[in-house]
Amino acid sequence: MELLKRCSGAILTGCEISREMIKVAKKNAKEYGFENRASYIEGNGMQMPFSDDSFDAVISNGPYILQLSQKKFALDF
């Protein structure tokens, strides 16, 4: 959402593996007033469901689940 706030002409296409996280992302976009500039598709970031040259830029938030799993693993010991 921060990118959309800063770049008035930007359009966001999100690719998320989790349907639940897509619901959260859509809710956030609506709350920020960006539901017309943000869309989401279910997909695997390692096998993006888009053709080459589909976007001007790609931004990744990183593997949150992996980070959370590592923290839980560390806390278990």
C-alpha atoms as a PDB file:
ATOM      1  CA  MET A   1       0.000   0.000   0.000  1.00  0.00           C
ATOM      2  CA  GLU A   2       2.926   2.295   0.676  1.00  0.00           C
ATOM      3  CA  LEU A   3       3.973   2.141  -2.982  1.00  0.00           C
ATOM      4  CA  LEU A   4       0.463   3.048  -4.121  1.00  0.00           C
ATOM      5  CA  LYS A   5       0.386   5.974  -1.679  1.00  0.00           C
ATOM      6  CA  ARG A   6       3.675   7.327  -3.032  1.00  0.00           C
ATOM      7  CA  CYS A   7       3.142   6.634  -6.743  1.00  0.00           C
ATOM      8  CA  SER A   8      -0.202   7.966  -7.931  1.00  0.00           C
ATOM      9  CA  GLY A   9       0.019   6.211 -11.313  1.00  0.00           C
ATOM     10  CA  ALA A  10       1.054   2.820  -9.965  1.00  0.00           C
ATOM     11  CA  ILE A  11      -1.090  -0.276 -10.307  1.00  0.00           C
ATOM     12  CA  LEU A  12      -0.383  -3.237  -8.035  1.00  0.00           C
ATOM     13  CA  THR A  13      -0.729  -6.883  -8.998  1.00  0.00           C
ATOM     14  CA  GLY A  14      -0.056  -9.154  -6.051  1.00  0.00           C
ATOM     15  CA  CYS A  15       0.820 -12.829  -6.315  1.00  0.00           C
ATOM     16  CA  GLU A  16       0.187 -14.779  -3.129  1.00  0.00           C
ATOM     17  CA  ILE A  17       0.175 -18.518  -2.448  1.00  0.00           C
ATOM     18  CA  SER A  18      -2.305 -18.263   0.442  1.00  0.00           C
ATOM     19  CA  ARG A  19      -5.991 -17.583  -0.200  1.00  0.00           C
ATOM     20  CA  GLU A  20      -6.324 -16.274   3.352  1.00  0.00           C
ATOM     21  CA  MET A  21      -3.553 -13.734   2.795  1.00  0.00           C
ATOM     22  CA  ILE A  22      -5.221 -12.613  -0.437  1.00  0.00           C
ATOM     23  CA  LYS A  23      -8.359 -11.881   1.603  1.00  0.00           C
ATOM     24  CA  VAL A  24      -6.256  -9.810   4.030  1.00  0.00           C
ATOM     25  CA  ALA A  25      -4.546  -7.963   1.170  1.00  0.00           C
ATOM     26  CA  LYS A  26      -7.872  -7.136  -0.493  1.00  0.00           C
ATOM     27  CA  LYS A  27      -9.237  -5.873   2.816  1.00  0.00           C
ATOM     28  CA  ASN A  28      -6.161  -3.665   3.289  1.00  0.00           C
ATOM     29  CA  ALA A  29      -6.438  -2.283  -0.246  1.00  0.00           C
ATOM     30  CA  LYS A  30     -10.078  -1.401   0.358  1.00  0.00           C
ATOM     31  CA  GLU A  31      -9.315   0.275   3.690  1.00  0.00           C
ATOM     32  CA  TYR A  32      -6.659   2.427   1.988  1.00  0.00           C
ATOM     33  CA  GLY A  33      -8.999   3.239  -0.909  1.00  0.00           C
ATOM     34  CA  PHE A  34      -6.882   1.365  -3.459  1.00  0.00           C
ATOM     35  CA  GLU A  35      -9.268  -1.433  -4.408  1.00  0.00           C
ATOM     36  CA  ASN A  36      -9.345  -0.065  -7.993  1.00  0.00           C
ATOM     37  CA  ARG A  37      -5.534  -0.011  -8.236  1.00  0.00           C
ATOM     38  CA  ALA A  38      -4.715  -3.320  -6.536  1.00  0.00           C
ATOM     39  CA  SER A  39      -5.498  -6.843  -7.689  1.00  0.00           C
ATOM     40  CA  TYR A  40      -4.340 -10.195  -6.415  1.00  0.00           C
ATOM     41  CA  ILE A  41      -3.844 -13.597  -7.945  1.00  0.00           C
ATOM     42  CA  GLU A  42      -3.214 -16.908  -6.228  1.00  0.00           C
ATOM     43  CA  GLY A  43       0.125 -18.296  -7.318  1.00  0.00           C
ATOM     44  CA  ASN A  44       3.561 -19.504  -6.352  1.00  0.00           C
ATOM     45  CA  GLY A  45       6.310 -16.903  -6.371  1.00  0.00           C
ATOM     46  CA  MET A  46       8.746 -19.494  -7.659  1.00  0.00           C
ATOM     47  CA  GLN A  47       6.538 -20.138 -10.706  1.00  0.00           C
ATOM     48  CA  MET A  48       4.937 -16.806 -11.441  1.00  0.00           C
ATOM     49  CA  PRO A  49       1.734 -17.089 -13.496  1.00  0.00           C
ATOM     50  CA  PHE A  50       2.636 -14.083 -15.673  1.00  0.00           C
ATOM     51  CA  SER A  51       4.295 -13.810 -19.066  1.00  0.00           C
ATOM     52  CA  ASP A  52       7.694 -12.162 -19.461  1.00  0.00           C
ATOM     53  CA  ASP A  53       7.657  -8.362 -19.618  1.00  0.00           C
ATOM     54  CA  SER A  54       4.304  -8.144 -17.811  1.00  0.00           C
ATOM     55  CA  PHE A  55       5.512  -5.572 -15.268  1.00  0.00           C
ATOM     56  CA  ASP A  56       7.765  -2.553 -14.981  1.00  0.00           C
ATOM     57  CA  ALA A  57       8.966  -3.579 -11.513  1.00  0.00           C
ATOM     58  CA  VAL A  58       8.747  -6.500  -9.103  1.00  0.00           C
ATOM     59  CA  ILE A  59       8.849  -6.098  -5.326  1.00  0.00           C
ATOM     60  CA  SER A  60       9.003  -8.945  -2.837  1.00  0.00           C
ATOM     61  CA  ASN A  61       8.198  -8.860   0.864  1.00  0.00           C
ATOM     62  CA  GLY A  62      10.105 -12.043   1.541  1.00  0.00           C
ATOM     63  CA  PRO A  63       9.159 -15.397   3.021  1.00  0.00           C
ATOM     64  CA  TYR A  64       7.294 -14.535   6.221  1.00  0.00           C
ATOM     65  CA  ILE A  65       6.223 -18.107   6.879  1.00  0.00           C
ATOM     66  CA  LEU A  66       9.821 -19.298   6.737  1.00  0.00           C
ATOM     67  CA  GLN A  67      10.828 -16.569   9.183  1.00  0.00           C
ATOM     68  CA  LEU A  68       8.014 -17.447  11.572  1.00  0.00           C
ATOM     69  CA  SER A  69       8.869 -21.153  11.338  1.00  0.00           C
ATOM     70  CA  GLN A  70      12.507 -20.412  12.144  1.00  0.00           C
ATOM     71  CA  LYS A  71      11.522 -18.334  15.193  1.00  0.00           C
ATOM     72  CA  LYS A  72       9.206 -21.067  16.434  1.00  0.00           C
ATOM     73  CA  PHE A  73      11.939 -23.641  15.874  1.00  0.00           C
ATOM     74  CA  ALA A  74      14.417 -21.525  17.846  1.00  0.00           C
ATOM     75  CA  LEU A  75      11.933 -21.045  20.696  1.00  0.00           C
ATOM     76  CA  ASP A  76      11.320 -24.791  20.889  1.00  0.00           C
ATOM     77  CA  PHE A  77      14.950 -25.296  21.954  1.00  0.00           C
END
